[in-house]
Amino acid sequence: MNNELATTQSNYAVVAAIGSENIQSILEANLGGEKIDQFALDRVKVPGAGGIAWEVPTLTGVDMAKTVQGVIVGWKTVRSLYLSPFTGGGEPPVCASDNGTIGIGDPLEKGIAGQHDCYNCPHNQWQSAADGKGKKCSERRLVFMLRENDRLPIMISFPPTSIKPLSHYFLRLTQAGLYYWDVVTTLSLEKTKSQGGIDYSVIKPNVEKQLTPEESAAFKGYHEFFESRIMSSIAFDSSLMED
């Protein structure tokens, strides 16, 4: 990828709103001081068993789509540590992090819960998992994307197996001198198989097109508002383990 990407006009609702209405003022007025957390945002889920169609929530139910497309306006890392197998029963983790850096809990089982440095935690090292391959502490990358007709972003939880493709994508944008809100991103799914023979899906991000300078400015403003007013309310929840 390079800086020769085609720049075309798009029809994003949030861009059209800039100038005719203040999208931040609308959100402020309608929220009334309340926080938006991960339960208030629509979540697009990665299908199980290596499926290659997204489960996209709509007003009338859930649609299946080959790709999800929009402008990324924010992302964050969350972590969770379960010392016994996760059963899906909503049980809390032994330790969790809402920013990927500081964990809250008792990961070393010393009977004292507190703050812990995720980087140096032994459960966050490669080969610490029960199978001796991955990490015992599970990491999720939460990506927030605005689609054309939306004024609030959807949330996509990237599982551990999809974090590397996302990191490489951001590095390619960096190499091209682009912010992630400068482009329209398309997320597709690729079926693959683990060494144990289990099918799973990997998220593949790609640039669809580059936005105009005016559109980029609008999305930068949205990103700054979202990061300062909403992102801090997005925290780890056990339902993320099911994505």
C-alpha atoms as a PDB file:
ATOM      1  CA  MET A   1       0.000   0.000   0.000  1.00  0.00           C
ATOM      2  CA  ASN A   2       1.215   3.533  -0.694  1.00  0.00           C
ATOM      3  CA  ASN A   3       0.053   7.102  -0.784  1.00  0.00           C
ATOM      4  CA  GLU A   4      -1.287   6.680  -4.342  1.00  0.00           C
ATOM      5  CA  LEU A   5      -4.604   5.322  -3.069  1.00  0.00           C
ATOM      6  CA  ALA A   6      -7.607   6.706  -4.894  1.00  0.00           C
ATOM      7  CA  THR A   7      -9.394   9.447  -2.943  1.00  0.00           C
ATOM      8  CA  THR A   8     -13.159   9.490  -3.520  1.00  0.00           C
ATOM      9  CA  GLN A   9     -16.173  11.170  -1.964  1.00  0.00           C
ATOM     10  CA  SER A  10     -18.259   8.953   0.336  1.00  0.00           C
ATOM     11  CA  ASN A  11     -21.739   9.225   1.818  1.00  0.00           C
ATOM     12  CA  TYR A  12     -21.089   8.754   5.513  1.00  0.00           C
ATOM     13  CA  ALA A  13     -23.884  10.064   7.715  1.00  0.00           C
ATOM     14  CA  VAL A  14     -21.491  11.414  10.324  1.00  0.00           C
ATOM     15  CA  VAL A  15     -19.653  13.461   7.663  1.00  0.00           C
ATOM     16  CA  ALA A  16     -22.918  14.870   6.311  1.00  0.00           C
ATOM     17  CA  ALA A  17     -23.885  15.818   9.874  1.00  0.00           C
ATOM     18  CA  ILE A  18     -20.805  17.982  10.317  1.00  0.00           C
ATOM     19  CA  GLY A  19     -21.853  21.495   9.335  1.00  0.00           C
ATOM     20  CA  SER A  20     -25.609  20.917   9.374  1.00  0.00           C
ATOM     21  CA  GLU A  21     -25.674  19.680  12.937  1.00  0.00           C
ATOM     22  CA  ASN A  22     -23.149  19.156  15.676  1.00  0.00           C
ATOM     23  CA  ILE A  23     -22.965  15.396  16.156  1.00  0.00           C
ATOM     24  CA  GLN A  24     -21.170  15.843  19.483  1.00  0.00           C
ATOM     25  CA  SER A  25     -23.944  18.117  20.785  1.00  0.00           C
ATOM     26  CA  ILE A  26     -26.561  15.545  19.754  1.00  0.00           C
ATOM     27  CA  LEU A  27     -24.739  12.778  21.596  1.00  0.00           C
ATOM     28  CA  GLU A  28     -24.213  14.963  24.662  1.00  0.00           C
ATOM     29  CA  ALA A  29     -27.899  15.967  24.779  1.00  0.00           C
ATOM     30  CA  ASN A  30     -29.263  12.466  24.243  1.00  0.00           C
ATOM     31  CA  LEU A  31     -26.868  10.816  26.678  1.00  0.00           C
ATOM     32  CA  GLY A  32     -27.715  13.269  29.447  1.00  0.00           C
ATOM     33  CA  GLY A  33     -24.467  12.500  31.244  1.00  0.00           C
ATOM     34  CA  GLU A  34     -24.894   8.730  30.997  1.00  0.00           C
ATOM     35  CA  LYS A  35     -22.061   6.553  29.817  1.00  0.00           C
ATOM     36  CA  ILE A  36     -22.075   4.429  26.680  1.00  0.00           C
ATOM     37  CA  ASP A  37     -20.547   1.038  27.385  1.00  0.00           C
ATOM     38  CA  GLN A  38     -20.025  -2.081  25.295  1.00  0.00           C
ATOM     39  CA  PHE A  39     -23.607  -3.203  25.943  1.00  0.00           C
ATOM     40  CA  ALA A  40     -25.040  -0.090  24.281  1.00  0.00           C
ATOM     41  CA  LEU A  41     -23.123  -0.563  21.033  1.00  0.00           C
ATOM     42  CA  ASP A  42     -24.080  -3.094  18.375  1.00  0.00           C
ATOM     43  CA  ARG A  43     -21.562  -5.913  18.291  1.00  0.00           C
ATOM     44  CA  VAL A  44     -20.647  -7.698  15.083  1.00  0.00           C
ATOM     45  CA  LYS A  45     -19.559 -11.211  15.944  1.00  0.00           C
ATOM     46  CA  VAL A  46     -17.042 -13.574  14.426  1.00  0.00           C
ATOM     47  CA  PRO A  47     -18.833 -16.843  13.623  1.00  0.00           C
ATOM     48  CA  GLY A  48     -17.693 -20.076  15.183  1.00  0.00           C
ATOM     49  CA  ALA A  49     -16.343 -23.217  13.490  1.00  0.00           C
ATOM     50  CA  GLY A  50     -14.468 -21.267  10.826  1.00  0.00           C
ATOM     51  CA  GLY A  51     -17.481 -19.486   9.358  1.00  0.00           C
ATOM     52  CA  ILE A  52     -16.737 -16.801   6.765  1.00  0.00           C
ATOM     53  CA  ALA A  53     -19.897 -14.672   7.141  1.00  0.00           C
ATOM     54  CA  TRP A  54     -20.302 -11.974   9.783  1.00  0.00           C
ATOM     55  CA  GLU A  55     -23.323 -11.844  12.075  1.00  0.00           C
ATOM     56  CA  VAL A  56     -24.458  -8.222  11.692  1.00  0.00           C
ATOM     57  CA  PRO A  57     -27.262  -6.869  13.944  1.00  0.00           C
ATOM     58  CA  THR A  58     -29.969  -4.795  12.222  1.00  0.00           C
ATOM     59  CA  LEU A  59     -33.299  -3.238  13.212  1.00  0.00           C
ATOM     60  CA  THR A  60     -35.095  -6.388  12.087  1.00  0.00           C
ATOM     61  CA  GLY A  61     -32.715  -9.053  13.345  1.00  0.00           C
ATOM     62  CA  VAL A  62     -29.312 -10.451  12.399  1.00  0.00           C
ATOM     63  CA  ASP A  63     -28.038 -10.483   8.804  1.00  0.00           C
ATOM     64  CA  MET A  64     -25.144 -12.500   7.460  1.00  0.00           C
ATOM     65  CA  ALA A  65     -22.547 -10.551   5.490  1.00  0.00           C
ATOM     66  CA  LYS A  66     -19.323 -11.533   3.746  1.00  0.00           C
ATOM     67  CA  THR A  67     -17.629  -8.261   4.734  1.00  0.00           C
ATOM     68  CA  VAL A  68     -18.035  -5.393   7.183  1.00  0.00           C
ATOM     69  CA  GLN A  69     -16.990  -1.977   5.945  1.00  0.00           C
ATOM     70  CA  GLY A  70     -16.548   1.418   7.558  1.00  0.00           C
ATOM     71  CA  VAL A  71     -14.115   3.881   9.123  1.00  0.00           C
ATOM     72  CA  ILE A  72     -12.324   2.853  12.312  1.00  0.00           C
ATOM     73  CA  VAL A  73     -12.740   5.601  14.929  1.00  0.00           C
ATOM     74  CA  GLY A  74     -11.034   3.908  17.883  1.00  0.00           C
ATOM     75  CA  TRP A  75      -9.629   0.709  19.311  1.00  0.00           C
ATOM     76  CA  LYS A  76      -8.396  -0.626  22.627  1.00  0.00           C
ATOM     77  CA  THR A  77      -6.945  -3.776  24.169  1.00  0.00           C
ATOM     78  CA  VAL A  78      -8.593  -5.743  26.971  1.00  0.00           C
ATOM     79  CA  ARG A  79      -7.240  -8.792  28.749  1.00  0.00           C
ATOM     80  CA  SER A  80      -8.678 -11.539  30.936  1.00  0.00           C
ATOM     81  CA  LEU A  81      -7.178 -14.378  32.943  1.00  0.00           C
ATOM     82  CA  TYR A  82      -9.092 -17.554  33.774  1.00  0.00           C
ATOM     83  CA  LEU A  83      -7.051 -20.111  35.684  1.00  0.00           C
ATOM     84  CA  SER A  84      -9.720 -22.750  35.054  1.00  0.00           C
ATOM     85  CA  PRO A  85     -11.352 -23.367  31.648  1.00  0.00           C
ATOM     86  CA  PHE A  86     -13.889 -20.713  30.641  1.00  0.00           C
ATOM     87  CA  THR A  87     -17.358 -22.303  30.589  1.00  0.00           C
ATOM     88  CA  GLY A  88     -19.440 -19.421  29.250  1.00  0.00           C
ATOM     89  CA  GLY A  89     -21.414 -19.075  32.455  1.00  0.00           C
ATOM     90  CA  GLY A  90     -20.570 -15.414  32.990  1.00  0.00           C
ATOM     91  CA  GLU A  91     -18.029 -16.147  35.703  1.00  0.00           C
ATOM     92  CA  PRO A  92     -15.567 -13.299  36.375  1.00  0.00           C
ATOM     93  CA  PRO A  93     -11.894 -13.744  35.515  1.00  0.00           C
ATOM     94  CA  VAL A  94      -9.185 -13.978  38.156  1.00  0.00           C
ATOM     95  CA  CYS A  95      -7.677 -10.827  36.672  1.00  0.00           C
ATOM     96  CA  ALA A  96      -8.805  -8.447  33.908  1.00  0.00           C
ATOM     97  CA  SER A  97      -7.501  -5.333  32.203  1.00  0.00           C
ATOM     98  CA  ASP A  98      -9.580  -2.618  30.545  1.00  0.00           C
ATOM     99  CA  ASN A  99      -6.580  -1.051  28.805  1.00  0.00           C
ATOM    100  CA  GLY A 100      -4.243  -3.975  28.121  1.00  0.00           C
ATOM    101  CA  THR A 101      -1.580  -2.513  30.406  1.00  0.00           C
ATOM    102  CA  ILE A 102      -2.792  -2.673  34.009  1.00  0.00           C
ATOM    103  CA  GLY A 103      -4.627  -5.742  35.271  1.00  0.00           C
ATOM    104  CA  ILE A 104      -6.925  -5.760  38.291  1.00  0.00           C
ATOM    105  CA  GLY A 105      -7.181  -8.973  40.298  1.00  0.00           C
ATOM    106  CA  ASP A 106      -5.094 -11.720  41.869  1.00  0.00           C
ATOM    107  CA  PRO A 107      -3.318 -13.433  38.937  1.00  0.00           C
ATOM    108  CA  LEU A 108      -0.654 -15.086  41.085  1.00  0.00           C
ATOM    109  CA  GLU A 109      -3.244 -16.337  43.626  1.00  0.00           C
ATOM    110  CA  LYS A 110      -1.651 -14.660  46.626  1.00  0.00           C
ATOM    111  CA  GLY A 111      -5.005 -13.870  48.181  1.00  0.00           C
ATOM    112  CA  ILE A 112      -4.571 -10.135  47.635  1.00  0.00           C
ATOM    113  CA  ALA A 113      -6.302  -8.442  44.718  1.00  0.00           C
ATOM    114  CA  GLY A 114      -4.736  -5.295  43.323  1.00  0.00           C
ATOM    115  CA  GLN A 115      -3.148  -3.706  40.271  1.00  0.00           C
ATOM    116  CA  HIS A 116      -0.656  -5.643  38.209  1.00  0.00           C
ATOM    117  CA  ASP A 117       1.653  -4.879  35.293  1.00  0.00           C
ATOM    118  CA  CYS A 118       0.347  -6.917  32.348  1.00  0.00           C
ATOM    119  CA  TYR A 119       3.615  -6.720  30.405  1.00  0.00           C
ATOM    120  CA  ASN A 120       5.653  -8.529  33.049  1.00  0.00           C
ATOM    121  CA  CYS A 121       2.944 -10.912  34.244  1.00  0.00           C
ATOM    122  CA  PRO A 122       4.018 -14.565  33.750  1.00  0.00           C
ATOM    123  CA  HIS A 123       0.551 -15.407  32.423  1.00  0.00           C
ATOM    124  CA  ASN A 124       1.052 -12.891  29.583  1.00  0.00           C
ATOM    125  CA  GLN A 125       4.161 -14.628  28.218  1.00  0.00           C
ATOM    126  CA  TRP A 126       4.215 -16.916  25.211  1.00  0.00           C
ATOM    127  CA  GLN A 127       4.007 -20.655  26.035  1.00  0.00           C
ATOM    128  CA  SER A 128       2.282 -19.923  29.361  1.00  0.00           C
ATOM    129  CA  ALA A 129      -0.991 -21.446  28.126  1.00  0.00           C
ATOM    130  CA  ALA A 130      -1.991 -24.961  29.112  1.00  0.00           C
ATOM    131  CA  ASP A 131      -1.038 -26.284  25.663  1.00  0.00           C
ATOM    132  CA  GLY A 132       2.390 -24.634  25.937  1.00  0.00           C
ATOM    133  CA  LYS A 133       1.871 -22.569  22.770  1.00  0.00           C
ATOM    134  CA  GLY A 134      -0.063 -19.364  23.432  1.00  0.00           C
ATOM    135  CA  LYS A 135      -0.639 -17.117  26.429  1.00  0.00           C
ATOM    136  CA  LYS A 136      -2.639 -18.084  29.500  1.00  0.00           C
ATOM    137  CA  CYS A 137      -3.975 -14.515  29.732  1.00  0.00           C
ATOM    138  CA  SER A 138      -6.357 -13.977  26.841  1.00  0.00           C
ATOM    139  CA  GLU A 139      -6.133 -10.736  24.852  1.00  0.00           C
ATOM    140  CA  ARG A 140      -8.894  -9.109  22.812  1.00  0.00           C
ATOM    141  CA  ARG A 141      -8.566  -6.096  20.511  1.00  0.00           C
ATOM    142  CA  LEU A 142     -11.798  -4.098  20.456  1.00  0.00           C
ATOM    143  CA  VAL A 143     -12.270  -2.132  17.230  1.00  0.00           C
ATOM    144  CA  PHE A 144     -14.965   0.548  16.833  1.00  0.00           C
ATOM    145  CA  MET A 145     -16.148   1.200  13.285  1.00  0.00           C
ATOM    146  CA  LEU A 146     -18.586   3.722  11.816  1.00  0.00           C
ATOM    147  CA  ARG A 147     -20.526   2.447   8.806  1.00  0.00           C
ATOM    148  CA  GLU A 148     -22.061   4.716   6.176  1.00  0.00           C
ATOM    149  CA  ASN A 149     -25.513   5.130   7.715  1.00  0.00           C
ATOM    150  CA  ASP A 150     -24.487   5.046  11.385  1.00  0.00           C
ATOM    151  CA  ARG A 151     -23.908   7.788  13.929  1.00  0.00           C
ATOM    152  CA  LEU A 152     -22.673   5.379  16.601  1.00  0.00           C
ATOM    153  CA  PRO A 153     -19.955   2.830  15.887  1.00  0.00           C
ATOM    154  CA  ILE A 154     -20.288  -0.923  15.956  1.00  0.00           C
ATOM    155  CA  MET A 155     -17.845  -2.949  18.058  1.00  0.00           C
ATOM    156  CA  ILE A 156     -15.833  -5.864  16.704  1.00  0.00           C
ATOM    157  CA  SER A 157     -13.927  -8.036  19.162  1.00  0.00           C
ATOM    158  CA  PHE A 158     -10.755  -9.359  17.533  1.00  0.00           C
ATOM    159  CA  PRO A 159      -9.811 -12.708  19.132  1.00  0.00           C
ATOM    160  CA  PRO A 160      -6.142 -13.513  19.826  1.00  0.00           C
ATOM    161  CA  THR A 161      -5.716 -15.232  16.444  1.00  0.00           C
ATOM    162  CA  SER A 162      -6.746 -12.047  14.591  1.00  0.00           C
ATOM    163  CA  ILE A 163      -4.658  -9.507  16.508  1.00  0.00           C
ATOM    164  CA  LYS A 164      -1.521 -10.000  14.393  1.00  0.00           C
ATOM    165  CA  PRO A 165      -3.282  -9.268  11.048  1.00  0.00           C
ATOM    166  CA  LEU A 166      -4.762  -6.105  12.606  1.00  0.00           C
ATOM    167  CA  SER A 167      -1.365  -4.983  13.930  1.00  0.00           C
ATOM    168  CA  HIS A 168       0.185  -5.562  10.493  1.00  0.00           C
ATOM    169  CA  TYR A 169      -2.636  -3.557   8.906  1.00  0.00           C
ATOM    170  CA  PHE A 170      -2.002  -0.593  11.200  1.00  0.00           C
ATOM    171  CA  LEU A 171       1.727  -0.818  10.408  1.00  0.00           C
ATOM    172  CA  ARG A 172       0.957  -0.686   6.676  1.00  0.00           C
ATOM    173  CA  LEU A 173      -1.140   2.423   7.262  1.00  0.00           C
ATOM    174  CA  THR A 174       1.733   3.918   9.241  1.00  0.00           C
ATOM    175  CA  GLN A 175       4.143   3.121   6.413  1.00  0.00           C
ATOM    176  CA  ALA A 176       1.804   4.995   4.046  1.00  0.00           C
ATOM    177  CA  GLY A 177       1.555   7.968   6.428  1.00  0.00           C
ATOM    178  CA  LEU A 178      -2.149   7.415   7.083  1.00  0.00           C
ATOM    179  CA  TYR A 179      -4.263   7.367  10.241  1.00  0.00           C
ATOM    180  CA  TYR A 180      -6.865   4.632  10.507  1.00  0.00           C
ATOM    181  CA  TRP A 181      -9.604   7.279  10.229  1.00  0.00           C
ATOM    182  CA  ASP A 182      -8.164   8.391   6.861  1.00  0.00           C
ATOM    183  CA  VAL A 183      -9.424   5.284   5.065  1.00  0.00           C
ATOM    184  CA  VAL A 184     -12.450   3.084   4.645  1.00  0.00           C
ATOM    185  CA  THR A 185     -11.566  -0.359   6.012  1.00  0.00           C
ATOM    186  CA  THR A 186     -13.080  -3.650   4.861  1.00  0.00           C
ATOM    187  CA  LEU A 187     -13.040  -6.616   7.242  1.00  0.00           C
ATOM    188  CA  SER A 188     -13.348 -10.079   5.733  1.00  0.00           C
ATOM    189  CA  LEU A 189     -13.051 -13.547   7.244  1.00  0.00           C
ATOM    190  CA  GLU A 190     -10.705 -16.341   6.263  1.00  0.00           C
ATOM    191  CA  LYS A 191     -11.206 -19.932   7.362  1.00  0.00           C
ATOM    192  CA  THR A 192      -8.153 -21.673   8.731  1.00  0.00           C
ATOM    193  CA  LYS A 193      -7.294 -24.639  10.931  1.00  0.00           C
ATOM    194  CA  SER A 194      -5.344 -24.920  14.164  1.00  0.00           C
ATOM    195  CA  GLN A 195      -2.530 -27.390  14.669  1.00  0.00           C
ATOM    196  CA  GLY A 196      -5.048 -29.484  16.591  1.00  0.00           C
ATOM    197  CA  GLY A 197      -7.334 -29.628  13.560  1.00  0.00           C
ATOM    198  CA  ILE A 198      -9.959 -27.152  14.813  1.00  0.00           C
ATOM    199  CA  ASP A 199     -11.512 -24.771  12.259  1.00  0.00           C
ATOM    200  CA  TYR A 200     -11.597 -21.072  13.152  1.00  0.00           C
ATOM    201  CA  SER A 201     -11.893 -17.710  11.409  1.00  0.00           C
ATOM    202  CA  VAL A 202      -9.214 -15.038  11.054  1.00  0.00           C
ATOM    203  CA  ILE A 203     -10.197 -11.405  10.457  1.00  0.00           C
ATOM    204  CA  LYS A 204      -8.468  -9.832   7.462  1.00  0.00           C
ATOM    205  CA  PRO A 205      -8.504  -5.984   7.300  1.00  0.00           C
ATOM    206  CA  ASN A 206      -7.857  -4.155   4.031  1.00  0.00           C
ATOM    207  CA  VAL A 207      -8.137  -0.607   2.713  1.00  0.00           C
ATOM    208  CA  GLU A 208     -11.185  -0.065   0.520  1.00  0.00           C
ATOM    209  CA  LYS A 209     -10.391   3.558  -0.331  1.00  0.00           C
ATOM    210  CA  GLN A 210      -8.817   6.701   1.055  1.00  0.00           C
ATOM    211  CA  LEU A 211     -11.076   9.500   2.284  1.00  0.00           C
ATOM    212  CA  THR A 212     -10.922  13.107   1.197  1.00  0.00           C
ATOM    213  CA  PRO A 213      -9.115  15.583   3.499  1.00  0.00           C
ATOM    214  CA  GLU A 214     -12.489  17.032   4.542  1.00  0.00           C
ATOM    215  CA  GLU A 215     -13.843  13.606   5.456  1.00  0.00           C
ATOM    216  CA  SER A 216     -10.662  12.703   7.339  1.00  0.00           C
ATOM    217  CA  ALA A 217     -10.989  15.889   9.376  1.00  0.00           C
ATOM    218  CA  ALA A 218     -14.573  15.012  10.293  1.00  0.00           C
ATOM    219  CA  PHE A 219     -13.612  11.493  11.360  1.00  0.00           C
ATOM    220  CA  LYS A 220     -10.625  12.797  13.336  1.00  0.00           C
ATOM    221  CA  GLY A 221     -13.022  15.003  15.306  1.00  0.00           C
ATOM    222  CA  TYR A 222     -15.325  12.064  15.910  1.00  0.00           C
ATOM    223  CA  HIS A 223     -12.372   9.908  16.994  1.00  0.00           C
ATOM    224  CA  GLU A 224     -11.246  12.536  19.528  1.00  0.00           C
ATOM    225  CA  PHE A 225     -14.742  12.838  20.994  1.00  0.00           C
ATOM    226  CA  PHE A 226     -15.223   9.059  21.081  1.00  0.00           C
ATOM    227  CA  GLU A 227     -11.836   8.464  22.722  1.00  0.00           C
ATOM    228  CA  SER A 228     -12.331  11.108  25.418  1.00  0.00           C
ATOM    229  CA  ARG A 229     -16.011  10.559  26.258  1.00  0.00           C
ATOM    230  CA  ILE A 230     -16.858   6.952  25.428  1.00  0.00           C
ATOM    231  CA  MET A 231     -13.753   4.762  25.137  1.00  0.00           C
ATOM    232  CA  SER A 232     -13.019   4.875  28.875  1.00  0.00           C
ATOM    233  CA  SER A 233     -16.420   3.306  29.588  1.00  0.00           C
ATOM    234  CA  ILE A 234     -15.656   0.276  27.427  1.00  0.00           C
ATOM    235  CA  ALA A 235     -14.402  -2.453  29.756  1.00  0.00           C
ATOM    236  CA  PHE A 236     -13.760  -6.179  29.710  1.00  0.00           C
ATOM    237  CA  ASP A 237     -16.870  -8.342  30.036  1.00  0.00           C
ATOM    238  CA  SER A 238     -17.012 -12.138  30.042  1.00  0.00           C
ATOM    239  CA  SER A 239     -19.301 -12.099  26.977  1.00  0.00           C
ATOM    240  CA  LEU A 240     -16.289 -10.965  24.935  1.00  0.00           C
ATOM    241  CA  MET A 241     -14.824 -14.432  25.463  1.00  0.00           C
ATOM    242  CA  GLU A 242     -17.650 -15.874  23.365  1.00  0.00           C
ATOM    243  CA  ASP A 243     -16.768 -13.859  20.244  1.00  0.00           C
END
